[in-house]
Protein backbone atom coordinates (compact mmCIF):
# COMPACT_ATOMS: atom_id res chain seq x y z
CA UNK A 1 5.52 75.73 -47.00
CA UNK A 2 3.23 78.11 -48.85
CA UNK A 3 2.76 81.86 -49.01
CA UNK A 4 -0.73 83.28 -49.43
CA UNK A 5 -1.53 86.74 -50.75
CA UNK A 6 -5.08 88.04 -50.51
CA UNK A 7 -6.60 90.89 -52.47
CA UNK A 8 -9.96 92.34 -53.35
CA UNK A 9 -11.26 93.74 -50.09
CA UNK A 10 -12.76 97.17 -49.74
CA UNK A 11 -15.71 99.26 -48.69
CA UNK A 12 -19.02 98.53 -50.38
CA UNK A 13 -22.63 99.34 -49.71
CA UNK A 14 -25.13 96.78 -48.49
CA UNK A 15 -26.40 94.63 -51.31
CA UNK A 16 -23.28 95.02 -53.41
CA UNK A 17 -20.68 92.40 -54.31
CA UNK A 18 -16.96 91.82 -53.91
CA UNK A 19 -14.61 89.09 -55.03
CA UNK A 20 -11.64 88.19 -52.88
CA UNK A 21 -8.61 86.44 -54.34
CA UNK A 22 -5.99 84.33 -52.61
CA UNK A 23 -2.88 83.54 -54.63
CA UNK A 24 -0.78 80.63 -53.39
CA UNK A 25 2.96 80.28 -53.98
CA UNK A 26 2.63 76.63 -54.95
CA UNK A 27 0.23 74.36 -56.75
CA UNK A 28 -3.09 74.26 -54.93
CA UNK A 29 -3.35 70.59 -55.82
CA UNK A 30 -0.61 70.07 -53.22
CA UNK A 31 -2.70 71.80 -50.54
CA UNK A 32 -5.22 69.58 -48.78
CA UNK A 33 -7.73 72.31 -48.02
CA UNK A 34 -7.87 76.02 -48.76
CA UNK A 35 -10.34 78.22 -47.02
CA UNK A 36 -11.56 81.68 -46.22
CA UNK A 37 -12.05 82.75 -42.63
CA UNK A 38 -13.15 86.07 -41.23
CA UNK A 39 -12.76 87.92 -37.97
CA UNK A 40 -14.95 90.79 -36.94
CA UNK A 41 -13.97 93.18 -34.10
CA UNK A 42 -14.28 91.50 -30.70
CA UNK A 43 -15.30 88.19 -32.28
CA UNK A 44 -13.55 84.90 -32.88
CA UNK A 45 -12.24 83.97 -36.28
CA UNK A 46 -14.79 81.85 -38.13
CA UNK A 47 -14.82 79.67 -41.19
CA UNK A 48 -16.58 81.19 -44.19
CA UNK A 49 -15.91 78.62 -46.90
CA UNK A 50 -13.35 76.05 -47.90
CA UNK A 51 -12.38 73.94 -50.90
CA UNK A 52 -10.42 70.72 -50.94
CA UNK A 53 -7.72 69.68 -53.37
CA UNK A 54 -10.34 67.55 -55.14
CA UNK A 55 -12.67 70.53 -55.51
CA UNK A 56 -15.25 69.76 -52.84
CA UNK A 57 -16.63 72.85 -51.14
CA UNK A 58 -18.24 73.81 -47.87
CA UNK A 59 -19.88 77.16 -47.18
CA UNK A 60 -20.91 78.37 -43.74
CA UNK A 61 -24.62 78.57 -43.12
CA UNK A 62 -24.47 82.29 -42.37
CA UNK A 63 -23.35 83.05 -45.93
CA UNK A 64 -24.82 80.15 -47.87
CA UNK A 65 -26.61 81.33 -50.96
CA UNK A 66 -24.65 84.60 -50.99
CA UNK A 67 -20.99 83.54 -50.99
CA UNK A 68 -19.28 81.09 -53.32
CA UNK A 69 -15.77 79.65 -53.14
CA UNK A 70 -14.01 78.65 -56.33
CA UNK A 71 -10.53 78.18 -57.71
CA UNK A 72 -8.38 78.60 -60.78
CA UNK A 73 -5.82 75.81 -60.67
CA UNK A 74 -3.80 77.31 -63.52
CA UNK A 75 -3.30 80.45 -61.43
CA UNK A 76 -3.04 78.68 -58.06
CA UNK A 77 -5.71 81.05 -56.86
CA UNK A 78 -8.82 80.60 -54.75
CA UNK A 79 -11.67 83.08 -54.90
CA UNK A 80 -14.49 84.09 -52.60
CA UNK A 81 -17.37 85.67 -54.46
CA UNK A 82 -19.50 87.63 -52.03
CA UNK A 83 -22.90 88.82 -53.17
CA UNK A 84 -25.67 90.67 -51.36
CA UNK A 85 -23.25 91.88 -48.73
CA UNK A 86 -24.61 92.87 -45.35
CA UNK A 87 -23.19 95.03 -42.55
CA UNK A 88 -22.64 91.87 -40.51
CA UNK A 89 -20.20 90.67 -43.16
CA UNK A 90 -17.81 93.42 -42.09
CA UNK A 91 -14.57 91.73 -41.01
CA UNK A 92 -10.99 91.01 -41.91
CA UNK A 93 -11.00 88.08 -44.30
CA UNK A 94 -8.12 85.64 -44.17
CA UNK A 95 -7.05 82.98 -46.62
CA UNK A 96 -5.93 79.71 -45.08
CA UNK A 97 -4.05 76.71 -46.37
CA UNK A 98 -4.13 73.39 -44.55
CA UNK A 99 -1.27 71.22 -45.70
CA UNK A 100 -2.13 68.05 -43.85
CA UNK A 101 -2.05 69.67 -40.44
CA UNK A 102 0.31 72.52 -41.15
CA UNK A 103 -1.68 75.75 -41.27
CA UNK A 104 -0.71 78.86 -43.20
CA UNK A 105 -2.45 82.23 -43.24
CA UNK A 106 -2.48 85.24 -45.48
CA UNK A 107 -2.16 88.77 -44.17
CA UNK A 108 -5.88 89.44 -44.34
CA UNK A 109 -7.99 91.85 -46.32
CA UNK A 110 -10.59 94.20 -44.86
CA UNK A 111 -14.19 94.09 -46.02
CA UNK A 112 -16.43 96.88 -44.76
CA UNK A 113 -20.16 97.12 -45.33
CA UNK A 114 -21.57 100.19 -43.56
CA UNK A 115 -24.97 99.95 -41.91
């Protein structure tokens, strides 16, 4: 079992940056995959980026070149650096932990980029 606590959301203008943090209650080396998902109003939740226990990363095409996922293993924390934010990035962002088929979610953090 793992608890996930997200932070760092907020309201920013288009073109600005935000960094989201997801603190895990256990060593992230014990978590197969950690990821960031987002859900905009009236849309399905979608994968934004993920990082494996070995450090391999995947970033969704819609945010590639603007968003970066990273981690601090000493702090058991995964980050999502979001640059050049656009109105279409507005959503609730959720941290996810996949422990070999068992999925855990954080409470979500709102990111708003007004048009």
